[in-house]
Amino acid sequence: GGDGDGLQRFFERSAYGTRSWLADAWFSGMRASDLIVKVAQDHGVNPVLLLARMQVEQSLVSKTVRPAQSRINKALGCGCPDGGSCSSAQSGFERQLVCGAQTMTRWYDASIEGNGLWRMGRSRNTLDPISVTPRNHATASMYAYTPWVLVGRGGNWLLWNVTRKYLVNLDQRGLLNVNP
């Protein structure tokens, strides 16, 4: 088995009580689970963040059958600005994972350095517009990635709820050792 064994078990019986199509997906010669964990480890992010982001952006974790390639190609919405077309350079599952992880890390570091658009302890309006004051660098990073709250329907509200759902599910099953 690879580093993604815990994640593989999560895909085989997801937090939705179903088998995710990702349990049987291979990319770049690796199981999706191993690739996700590898990219997360390479960039110092928790793989659960990548999972939650792909669910929020394209419902990829909850899907039981392989979705259209066009959805897989923009798995994390990375390089896909609101109201604009996606960058072909960031197209594809592996490129999306890398782009997403790099973006999260870049905005996290920018919050620490104090030069990021979103910073810990600094209030700013989202595009909703709602005033948000990130309590930590990770939250600042998530708002830099998606500057929306969208209570009850999307944005960081949905990201928080999906992340929490996955963490609770993984914890209850003893699979939380999937982090780097």
N, C-alpha and C. Protein backbone atom coordinates (compact mmCIF):
# COMPACT_ATOMS: atom_id res chain seq x y z
N GLY A 1 0.82 -1.21 0.00
CA GLY A 1 0.00 0.00 0.00
C GLY A 1 0.85 1.25 0.00
N GLY A 2 0.24 2.33 -0.41
CA GLY A 2 0.95 3.62 -0.44
C GLY A 2 0.59 4.47 0.76
N ASP A 3 1.05 5.69 0.72
CA ASP A 3 0.76 6.64 1.80
C ASP A 3 -0.71 6.99 1.88
N GLY A 4 -1.44 6.72 0.83
CA GLY A 4 -2.85 7.09 0.79
C GLY A 4 -3.81 6.01 1.26
N ASP A 5 -3.33 5.00 2.00
CA ASP A 5 -4.21 3.89 2.41
C ASP A 5 -5.42 4.36 3.24
N GLY A 6 -5.20 5.28 4.17
CA GLY A 6 -6.31 5.79 4.98
C GLY A 6 -7.30 6.55 4.12
N LEU A 7 -6.79 7.35 3.22
CA LEU A 7 -7.64 8.10 2.30
C LEU A 7 -8.38 7.15 1.36
N GLN A 8 -7.71 6.09 0.95
CA GLN A 8 -8.34 5.08 0.10
C GLN A 8 -9.56 4.48 0.81
N ARG A 9 -9.42 4.16 2.10
CA ARG A 9 -10.56 3.62 2.87
C ARG A 9 -11.69 4.65 2.96
N PHE A 10 -11.33 5.93 3.08
CA PHE A 10 -12.33 7.00 3.10
C PHE A 10 -13.09 7.02 1.77
N PHE A 11 -12.39 6.89 0.65
CA PHE A 11 -13.05 6.89 -0.66
C PHE A 11 -13.93 5.65 -0.84
N GLU A 12 -13.50 4.52 -0.29
CA GLU A 12 -14.28 3.29 -0.42
C GLU A 12 -15.61 3.37 0.33
N ARG A 13 -15.62 4.13 1.43
CA ARG A 13 -16.88 4.42 2.14
C ARG A 13 -16.76 5.86 2.61
N SER A 14 -17.23 6.77 1.77
CA SER A 14 -17.04 8.20 2.02
C SER A 14 -17.93 8.69 3.16
N ALA A 15 -17.75 9.95 3.50
CA ALA A 15 -18.56 10.60 4.54
C ALA A 15 -20.02 10.69 4.11
N TYR A 16 -20.32 10.36 2.87
CA TYR A 16 -21.69 10.38 2.34
C TYR A 16 -22.32 8.99 2.38
N GLY A 17 -21.58 8.01 2.94
CA GLY A 17 -22.08 6.65 3.05
C GLY A 17 -22.05 5.88 1.74
N THR A 18 -21.32 6.38 0.77
CA THR A 18 -21.24 5.75 -0.55
C THR A 18 -19.78 5.57 -0.94
N ARG A 19 -19.55 4.79 -2.00
CA ARG A 19 -18.20 4.63 -2.54
C ARG A 19 -17.97 5.75 -3.54
N SER A 20 -16.95 6.56 -3.29
CA SER A 20 -16.60 7.64 -4.21
C SER A 20 -15.94 7.05 -5.45
N TRP A 21 -16.18 7.64 -6.59
CA TRP A 21 -15.52 7.23 -7.83
C TRP A 21 -13.99 7.32 -7.68
N LEU A 22 -13.54 8.18 -6.75
CA LEU A 22 -12.10 8.35 -6.54
C LEU A 22 -11.44 7.08 -5.99
N ALA A 23 -12.24 6.17 -5.40
CA ALA A 23 -11.68 4.91 -4.89
C ALA A 23 -11.07 4.08 -6.03
N ASP A 24 -11.58 4.26 -7.23
CA ASP A 24 -11.13 3.47 -8.38
C ASP A 24 -10.36 4.30 -9.41
N ALA A 25 -10.11 5.58 -9.10
CA ALA A 25 -9.47 6.48 -10.06
C ALA A 25 -7.95 6.44 -9.92
N TRP A 26 -7.29 6.47 -11.06
CA TRP A 26 -5.82 6.53 -11.13
C TRP A 26 -5.44 7.73 -11.98
N PHE A 27 -4.40 8.44 -11.54
CA PHE A 27 -3.88 9.58 -12.28
C PHE A 27 -2.37 9.51 -12.21
N SER A 28 -1.72 9.78 -13.32
CA SER A 28 -0.25 9.78 -13.38
C SER A 28 0.32 8.48 -12.81
N GLY A 29 -0.34 7.36 -13.08
CA GLY A 29 0.13 6.05 -12.65
C GLY A 29 -0.02 5.77 -11.16
N MET A 30 -0.82 6.57 -10.46
CA MET A 30 -1.02 6.39 -9.02
C MET A 30 -2.51 6.39 -8.69
N ARG A 31 -2.86 5.68 -7.59
CA ARG A 31 -4.23 5.78 -7.10
C ARG A 31 -4.47 7.26 -6.75
N ALA A 32 -5.69 7.72 -6.94
CA ALA A 32 -6.04 9.10 -6.59
C ALA A 32 -5.65 9.39 -5.15
N SER A 33 -5.91 8.44 -4.25
CA SER A 33 -5.61 8.63 -2.82
C SER A 33 -4.12 8.87 -2.58
N ASP A 34 -3.26 8.09 -3.24
CA ASP A 34 -1.81 8.24 -3.07
C ASP A 34 -1.33 9.57 -3.66
N LEU A 35 -1.89 9.96 -4.81
CA LEU A 35 -1.50 11.21 -5.46
C LEU A 35 -1.89 12.40 -4.58
N ILE A 36 -3.09 12.38 -4.02
CA ILE A 36 -3.55 13.48 -3.17
C ILE A 36 -2.64 13.61 -1.95
N VAL A 37 -2.32 12.50 -1.31
CA VAL A 37 -1.45 12.55 -0.12
C VAL A 37 -0.04 13.00 -0.51
N LYS A 38 0.47 12.53 -1.64
CA LYS A 38 1.81 12.93 -2.09
C LYS A 38 1.87 14.44 -2.32
N VAL A 39 0.90 14.98 -3.05
CA VAL A 39 0.89 16.42 -3.33
C VAL A 39 0.75 17.21 -2.03
N ALA A 40 -0.11 16.74 -1.14
CA ALA A 40 -0.28 17.42 0.16
C ALA A 40 1.04 17.44 0.93
N GLN A 41 1.72 16.30 0.98
CA GLN A 41 3.00 16.22 1.69
C GLN A 41 4.06 17.09 1.02
N ASP A 42 4.11 17.07 -0.31
CA ASP A 42 5.09 17.87 -1.05
C ASP A 42 4.97 19.36 -0.75
N HIS A 43 3.73 19.81 -0.46
CA HIS A 43 3.47 21.24 -0.29
C HIS A 43 3.10 21.63 1.14
N GLY A 44 3.14 20.66 2.06
CA GLY A 44 2.89 20.97 3.46
C GLY A 44 1.47 21.37 3.79
N VAL A 45 0.50 20.80 3.08
CA VAL A 45 -0.90 21.05 3.41
C VAL A 45 -1.57 19.75 3.82
N ASN A 46 -2.63 19.85 4.60
CA ASN A 46 -3.37 18.67 5.00
C ASN A 46 -4.18 18.17 3.80
N PRO A 47 -4.11 16.88 3.48
CA PRO A 47 -4.87 16.37 2.33
C PRO A 47 -6.37 16.61 2.46
N VAL A 48 -6.88 16.72 3.68
CA VAL A 48 -8.31 16.97 3.87
C VAL A 48 -8.70 18.32 3.26
N LEU A 49 -7.79 19.28 3.28
CA LEU A 49 -8.08 20.58 2.65
C LEU A 49 -8.25 20.43 1.14
N LEU A 50 -7.43 19.58 0.54
CA LEU A 50 -7.56 19.34 -0.91
C LEU A 50 -8.88 18.63 -1.22
N LEU A 51 -9.25 17.67 -0.38
CA LEU A 51 -10.52 16.96 -0.57
C LEU A 51 -11.70 17.90 -0.45
N ALA A 52 -11.69 18.71 0.61
CA ALA A 52 -12.81 19.63 0.83
C ALA A 52 -12.91 20.62 -0.32
N ARG A 53 -11.78 21.10 -0.79
CA ARG A 53 -11.79 22.07 -1.88
C ARG A 53 -12.36 21.44 -3.16
N MET A 54 -11.98 20.18 -3.45
CA MET A 54 -12.51 19.55 -4.68
C MET A 54 -14.00 19.24 -4.55
N GLN A 55 -14.47 19.02 -3.32
CA GLN A 55 -15.89 18.81 -3.12
C GLN A 55 -16.66 20.11 -3.29
N VAL A 56 -16.16 21.18 -2.69
CA VAL A 56 -16.82 22.49 -2.77
C VAL A 56 -16.84 22.99 -4.22
N GLU A 57 -15.74 22.81 -4.92
CA GLU A 57 -15.63 23.34 -6.29
C GLU A 57 -16.39 22.51 -7.32
N GLN A 58 -16.28 21.18 -7.24
CA GLN A 58 -16.83 20.32 -8.30
C GLN A 58 -17.58 19.09 -7.81
N SER A 59 -17.89 19.02 -6.51
CA SER A 59 -18.59 17.85 -5.92
C SER A 59 -17.89 16.53 -6.24
N LEU A 60 -16.56 16.54 -6.31
CA LEU A 60 -15.84 15.36 -6.78
C LEU A 60 -15.78 14.21 -5.77
N VAL A 61 -15.82 14.49 -4.47
CA VAL A 61 -15.72 13.42 -3.49
C VAL A 61 -17.04 12.65 -3.37
N SER A 62 -18.16 13.36 -3.40
CA SER A 62 -19.47 12.72 -3.22
C SER A 62 -19.95 11.97 -4.46
N LYS A 63 -19.37 12.24 -5.62
CA LYS A 63 -19.78 11.55 -6.85
C LYS A 63 -19.43 10.05 -6.77
N THR A 64 -20.38 9.21 -7.20
CA THR A 64 -20.14 7.77 -7.19
C THR A 64 -19.71 7.25 -8.56
N VAL A 65 -19.95 8.02 -9.60
CA VAL A 65 -19.47 7.66 -10.94
C VAL A 65 -18.56 8.78 -11.44
N ARG A 66 -17.60 8.38 -12.25
CA ARG A 66 -16.62 9.36 -12.75
C ARG A 66 -17.34 10.51 -13.46
N PRO A 67 -17.08 11.74 -13.01
CA PRO A 67 -17.73 12.89 -13.66
C PRO A 67 -17.08 13.23 -14.99
N ALA A 68 -17.68 14.16 -15.69
CA ALA A 68 -17.14 14.61 -16.97
C ALA A 68 -15.70 15.09 -16.79
N GLN A 69 -14.87 14.84 -17.78
CA GLN A 69 -13.46 15.26 -17.72
C GLN A 69 -13.35 16.77 -17.51
N SER A 70 -14.30 17.53 -18.03
CA SER A 70 -14.27 18.99 -17.86
C SER A 70 -14.35 19.38 -16.38
N ARG A 71 -15.06 18.59 -15.57
CA ARG A 71 -15.13 18.85 -14.12
C ARG A 71 -13.83 18.42 -13.44
N ILE A 72 -13.30 17.28 -13.85
CA ILE A 72 -12.03 16.78 -13.28
C ILE A 72 -10.91 17.77 -13.59
N ASN A 73 -10.94 18.35 -14.81
CA ASN A 73 -9.89 19.27 -15.25
C ASN A 73 -9.81 20.54 -14.41
N LYS A 74 -10.90 20.88 -13.72
CA LYS A 74 -10.91 22.07 -12.84
C LYS A 74 -11.29 21.65 -11.42
N ALA A 75 -10.76 20.53 -10.99
CA ALA A 75 -11.11 19.88 -9.73
C ALA A 75 -11.13 20.80 -8.52
N LEU A 76 -10.14 21.67 -8.38
CA LEU A 76 -10.06 22.56 -7.22
C LEU A 76 -10.35 24.02 -7.59
N GLY A 77 -10.79 24.23 -8.80
CA GLY A 77 -11.11 25.59 -9.24
C GLY A 77 -9.88 26.48 -9.30
N CYS A 78 -8.71 25.88 -9.30
CA CYS A 78 -7.47 26.66 -9.29
C CYS A 78 -7.15 27.15 -10.70
N GLY A 79 -6.86 28.44 -10.81
CA GLY A 79 -6.63 29.03 -12.12
C GLY A 79 -7.93 29.32 -12.84
N CYS A 80 -9.05 29.31 -12.08
CA CYS A 80 -10.38 29.56 -12.63
C CYS A 80 -11.01 30.75 -11.92
N PRO A 81 -10.71 31.98 -12.37
CA PRO A 81 -11.24 33.16 -11.69
C PRO A 81 -12.76 33.26 -11.83
N ASP A 82 -13.41 33.87 -10.83
CA ASP A 82 -14.86 34.09 -10.90
C ASP A 82 -15.19 34.81 -12.19
N GLY A 83 -16.14 34.29 -12.94
CA GLY A 83 -16.60 34.93 -14.16
C GLY A 83 -15.63 34.83 -15.33
N GLY A 84 -14.53 34.10 -15.16
CA GLY A 84 -13.56 33.97 -16.24
C GLY A 84 -13.36 32.52 -16.62
N SER A 85 -12.62 32.28 -17.68
CA SER A 85 -12.35 30.90 -18.07
C SER A 85 -11.10 30.40 -17.36
N CYS A 86 -11.01 29.09 -17.26
CA CYS A 86 -9.90 28.47 -16.54
C CYS A 86 -8.63 28.45 -17.39
N SER A 87 -7.49 28.54 -16.72
CA SER A 87 -6.20 28.48 -17.38
C SER A 87 -5.94 27.05 -17.85
N SER A 88 -5.61 26.89 -19.13
CA SER A 88 -5.32 25.55 -19.65
C SER A 88 -4.05 24.98 -19.02
N ALA A 89 -3.15 25.85 -18.56
CA ALA A 89 -1.91 25.40 -17.92
C ALA A 89 -2.19 24.70 -16.59
N GLN A 90 -3.34 24.97 -15.98
CA GLN A 90 -3.69 24.36 -14.69
C GLN A 90 -4.73 23.25 -14.86
N SER A 91 -4.99 22.84 -16.09
CA SER A 91 -6.03 21.86 -16.37
C SER A 91 -5.57 20.43 -16.09
N GLY A 92 -6.43 19.65 -15.45
CA GLY A 92 -6.14 18.25 -15.17
C GLY A 92 -6.06 18.01 -13.67
N PHE A 93 -6.33 16.78 -13.25
CA PHE A 93 -6.43 16.46 -11.82
C PHE A 93 -5.14 16.75 -11.06
N GLU A 94 -4.01 16.23 -11.54
CA GLU A 94 -2.75 16.44 -10.82
C GLU A 94 -2.35 17.91 -10.80
N ARG A 95 -2.48 18.59 -11.94
CA ARG A 95 -2.14 20.02 -11.99
C ARG A 95 -3.04 20.82 -11.05
N GLN A 96 -4.31 20.43 -10.94
CA GLN A 96 -5.23 21.12 -10.03
C GLN A 96 -4.83 20.91 -8.57
N LEU A 97 -4.43 19.69 -8.23
CA LEU A 97 -3.98 19.42 -6.86
C LEU A 97 -2.75 20.27 -6.52
N VAL A 98 -1.78 20.28 -7.44
CA VAL A 98 -0.55 21.04 -7.21
C VAL A 98 -0.87 22.53 -7.14
N CYS A 99 -1.65 23.04 -8.06
CA CYS A 99 -2.01 24.45 -8.09
C CYS A 99 -2.74 24.83 -6.79
N GLY A 100 -3.69 24.00 -6.37
CA GLY A 100 -4.44 24.27 -5.15
C GLY A 100 -3.54 24.29 -3.93
N ALA A 101 -2.68 23.30 -3.80
CA ALA A 101 -1.77 23.21 -2.65
C ALA A 101 -0.80 24.39 -2.65
N GLN A 102 -0.25 24.73 -3.82
CA GLN A 102 0.68 25.86 -3.91
C GLN A 102 -0.01 27.17 -3.56
N THR A 103 -1.25 27.34 -4.02
CA THR A 103 -2.00 28.56 -3.74
C THR A 103 -2.29 28.69 -2.25
N MET A 104 -2.73 27.59 -1.62
CA MET A 104 -2.99 27.60 -0.18
C MET A 104 -1.72 27.97 0.59
N THR A 105 -0.60 27.36 0.22
CA THR A 105 0.67 27.62 0.88
C THR A 105 1.13 29.06 0.67
N ARG A 106 0.98 29.55 -0.56
CA ARG A 106 1.40 30.93 -0.87
C ARG A 106 0.61 31.93 -0.02
N TRP A 107 -0.70 31.77 0.06
CA TRP A 107 -1.53 32.71 0.83
C TRP A 107 -1.30 32.54 2.34
N TYR A 108 -1.03 31.33 2.79
CA TYR A 108 -0.71 31.09 4.20
C TYR A 108 0.57 31.84 4.57
N ASP A 109 1.60 31.66 3.74
CA ASP A 109 2.89 32.33 3.97
C ASP A 109 2.74 33.85 3.90
N ALA A 110 1.91 34.35 2.98
CA ALA A 110 1.70 35.79 2.85
C ALA A 110 1.01 36.36 4.10
N SER A 111 0.15 35.58 4.73
CA SER A 111 -0.48 36.03 5.97
C SER A 111 0.58 36.13 7.07
N ILE A 112 1.43 35.11 7.15
CA ILE A 112 2.51 35.12 8.15
C ILE A 112 3.44 36.32 7.93
N GLU A 113 3.81 36.56 6.67
CA GLU A 113 4.73 37.64 6.33
C GLU A 113 4.08 39.01 6.45
N GLY A 114 2.74 39.05 6.52
CA GLY A 114 2.03 40.31 6.68
C GLY A 114 1.82 41.08 5.40
N ASN A 115 2.05 40.45 4.25
CA ASN A 115 1.85 41.15 2.98
C ASN A 115 0.75 40.52 2.12
N GLY A 116 -0.01 39.60 2.70
CA GLY A 116 -1.08 38.95 1.95
C GLY A 116 -2.32 39.80 1.85
N LEU A 117 -3.13 39.51 0.85
CA LEU A 117 -4.41 40.17 0.68
C LEU A 117 -5.28 39.94 1.92
N TRP A 118 -5.25 38.70 2.42
CA TRP A 118 -5.95 38.33 3.65
C TRP A 118 -4.91 37.97 4.68
N ARG A 119 -5.06 38.53 5.89
CA ARG A 119 -4.08 38.30 6.95
C ARG A 119 -4.78 38.01 8.27
N MET A 120 -4.14 37.20 9.07
CA MET A 120 -4.64 36.90 10.40
C MET A 120 -4.82 38.21 11.18
N GLY A 121 -5.99 38.35 11.84
CA GLY A 121 -6.23 39.49 12.70
C GLY A 121 -6.58 40.79 11.98
N ARG A 122 -6.67 40.77 10.66
CA ARG A 122 -6.98 41.98 9.90
C ARG A 122 -8.34 41.82 9.22
N SER A 123 -9.27 42.71 9.59
CA SER A 123 -10.62 42.65 9.02
C SER A 123 -10.62 43.09 7.56
N ARG A 124 -11.46 42.43 6.79
CA ARG A 124 -11.58 42.73 5.36
C ARG A 124 -12.97 42.26 4.91
N ASN A 125 -13.52 42.91 3.91
CA ASN A 125 -14.80 42.49 3.38
C ASN A 125 -14.62 41.41 2.32
N THR A 126 -15.49 40.39 2.40
CA THR A 126 -15.55 39.38 1.34
C THR A 126 -16.33 40.00 0.19
N LEU A 127 -16.49 39.26 -0.90
CA LEU A 127 -17.23 39.76 -2.05
C LEU A 127 -18.75 39.71 -1.84
N ASP A 128 -19.20 39.21 -0.67
CA ASP A 128 -20.64 39.07 -0.40
C ASP A 128 -21.39 40.39 -0.20
N PRO A 129 -20.99 41.43 0.46
CA PRO A 129 -19.79 41.65 1.27
C PRO A 129 -20.08 41.43 2.76
N ILE A 130 -19.21 40.68 3.41
CA ILE A 130 -19.30 40.43 4.85
C ILE A 130 -17.93 40.70 5.45
N SER A 131 -17.89 41.41 6.55
CA SER A 131 -16.60 41.68 7.21
C SER A 131 -16.13 40.42 7.93
N VAL A 132 -14.92 39.99 7.63
CA VAL A 132 -14.33 38.80 8.23
C VAL A 132 -12.95 39.17 8.79
N THR A 133 -12.67 38.67 9.99
CA THR A 133 -11.34 38.83 10.58
C THR A 133 -10.78 37.44 10.82
N PRO A 134 -9.89 36.96 9.95
CA PRO A 134 -9.32 35.62 10.13
C PRO A 134 -8.61 35.50 11.48
N ARG A 135 -8.92 34.43 12.22
CA ARG A 135 -8.30 34.23 13.53
C ARG A 135 -6.97 33.49 13.44
N ASN A 136 -6.65 32.95 12.25
CA ASN A 136 -5.37 32.27 12.07
C ASN A 136 -4.95 32.36 10.60
N HIS A 137 -3.72 31.97 10.33
CA HIS A 137 -3.18 32.07 8.96
C HIS A 137 -3.90 31.13 8.00
N ALA A 138 -4.34 29.97 8.50
CA ALA A 138 -5.04 29.01 7.64
C ALA A 138 -6.35 29.61 7.14
N THR A 139 -7.09 30.27 8.03
CA THR A 139 -8.35 30.89 7.64
C THR A 139 -8.09 32.03 6.65
N ALA A 140 -7.05 32.81 6.90
CA ALA A 140 -6.69 33.88 5.97
C ALA A 140 -6.41 33.29 4.58
N SER A 141 -5.71 32.17 4.55
CA SER A 141 -5.38 31.50 3.29
C SER A 141 -6.65 31.06 2.54
N MET A 142 -7.62 30.53 3.28
CA MET A 142 -8.86 30.06 2.64
C MET A 142 -9.67 31.23 2.06
N TYR A 143 -9.68 32.37 2.75
CA TYR A 143 -10.39 33.55 2.21
C TYR A 143 -9.65 34.16 1.04
N ALA A 144 -8.33 34.08 1.02
CA ALA A 144 -7.58 34.55 -0.15
C ALA A 144 -7.89 33.67 -1.35
N TYR A 145 -8.06 32.37 -1.11
CA TYR A 145 -8.37 31.41 -2.17
C TYR A 145 -9.77 31.67 -2.72
N THR A 146 -10.73 31.88 -1.81
CA THR A 146 -12.13 32.12 -2.18
C THR A 146 -12.68 33.23 -1.28
N PRO A 147 -12.72 34.46 -1.77
CA PRO A 147 -13.14 35.58 -0.92
C PRO A 147 -14.66 35.72 -0.77
N TRP A 148 -15.31 34.62 -0.46
CA TRP A 148 -16.77 34.60 -0.28
C TRP A 148 -17.10 33.85 1.02
N VAL A 149 -18.18 34.28 1.69
CA VAL A 149 -18.73 33.53 2.82
C VAL A 149 -19.86 32.65 2.29
N LEU A 150 -20.86 33.27 1.64
CA LEU A 150 -22.01 32.57 1.04
C LEU A 150 -22.70 31.62 2.03
N VAL A 151 -23.13 32.16 3.14
CA VAL A 151 -23.79 31.37 4.18
C VAL A 151 -24.94 30.56 3.60
N GLY A 152 -24.94 29.26 3.91
CA GLY A 152 -26.02 28.38 3.50
C GLY A 152 -25.94 27.86 2.08
N ARG A 153 -24.92 28.32 1.30
CA ARG A 153 -24.91 27.88 -0.09
C ARG A 153 -23.56 27.69 -0.74
N GLY A 154 -22.48 28.15 -0.15
CA GLY A 154 -21.19 27.97 -0.84
C GLY A 154 -20.05 28.65 -0.13
N GLY A 155 -19.04 29.04 -0.91
CA GLY A 155 -17.89 29.78 -0.39
C GLY A 155 -17.23 29.12 0.81
N ASN A 156 -16.73 29.97 1.72
CA ASN A 156 -16.05 29.46 2.91
C ASN A 156 -16.99 28.85 3.92
N TRP A 157 -18.27 29.24 3.88
CA TRP A 157 -19.26 28.58 4.73
C TRP A 157 -19.32 27.09 4.38
N LEU A 158 -19.42 26.81 3.08
CA LEU A 158 -19.50 25.42 2.62
C LEU A 158 -18.17 24.71 2.86
N LEU A 159 -17.05 25.38 2.58
CA LEU A 159 -15.74 24.77 2.80
C LEU A 159 -15.58 24.35 4.27
N TRP A 160 -15.98 25.22 5.20
CA TRP A 160 -15.87 24.92 6.63
C TRP A 160 -16.72 23.70 6.97
N ASN A 161 -17.96 23.67 6.48
CA ASN A 161 -18.85 22.56 6.78
C ASN A 161 -18.39 21.24 6.19
N VAL A 162 -17.90 21.26 4.95
CA VAL A 162 -17.39 20.05 4.31
C VAL A 162 -16.13 19.56 5.02
N THR A 163 -15.23 20.47 5.33
CA THR A 163 -13.99 20.10 6.03
C THR A 163 -14.33 19.45 7.37
N ARG A 164 -15.25 20.06 8.11
CA ARG A 164 -15.65 19.53 9.41
C ARG A 164 -16.27 18.14 9.27
N LYS A 165 -17.13 17.98 8.27
CA LYS A 165 -17.78 16.67 8.02
C LYS A 165 -16.72 15.59 7.77
N TYR A 166 -15.71 15.91 6.94
CA TYR A 166 -14.66 14.94 6.61
C TYR A 166 -13.79 14.64 7.83
N LEU A 167 -13.40 15.68 8.57
CA LEU A 167 -12.56 15.47 9.75
C LEU A 167 -13.27 14.63 10.81
N VAL A 168 -14.54 14.90 11.05
CA VAL A 168 -15.31 14.10 12.01
C VAL A 168 -15.40 12.66 11.55
N ASN A 169 -15.70 12.45 10.26
CA ASN A 169 -15.81 11.10 9.71
C ASN A 169 -14.48 10.35 9.82
N LEU A 170 -13.39 11.00 9.42
CA LEU A 170 -12.07 10.37 9.48
C LEU A 170 -11.68 10.07 10.93
N ASP A 171 -11.97 10.99 11.84
CA ASP A 171 -11.64 10.81 13.25
C ASP A 171 -12.42 9.63 13.83
N GLN A 172 -13.71 9.56 13.56
CA GLN A 172 -14.54 8.47 14.07
C GLN A 172 -14.06 7.11 13.58
N ARG A 173 -13.45 7.07 12.41
CA ARG A 173 -12.98 5.83 11.81
C ARG A 173 -11.50 5.57 12.08
N GLY A 174 -10.85 6.44 12.84
CA GLY A 174 -9.43 6.26 13.15
C GLY A 174 -8.52 6.48 11.96
N LEU A 175 -8.96 7.29 11.01
CA LEU A 175 -8.19 7.49 9.79
C LEU A 175 -7.53 8.86 9.73
N LEU A 176 -7.51 9.59 10.83
CA LEU A 176 -6.95 10.95 10.78
C LEU A 176 -5.44 11.00 10.66
N ASN A 177 -4.79 9.86 10.70
CA ASN A 177 -3.33 9.85 10.51
C ASN A 177 -2.95 10.03 9.05
N VAL A 178 -3.89 10.48 8.20
CA VAL A 178 -3.57 10.72 6.79
C VAL A 178 -2.87 12.05 6.60
N ASN A 179 -2.78 12.90 7.64
CA ASN A 179 -2.12 14.18 7.42
C ASN A 179 -0.60 14.02 7.37
N PRO A 180 0.07 14.96 6.69
CA PRO A 180 1.51 14.82 6.49
C PRO A 180 2.32 14.95 7.78
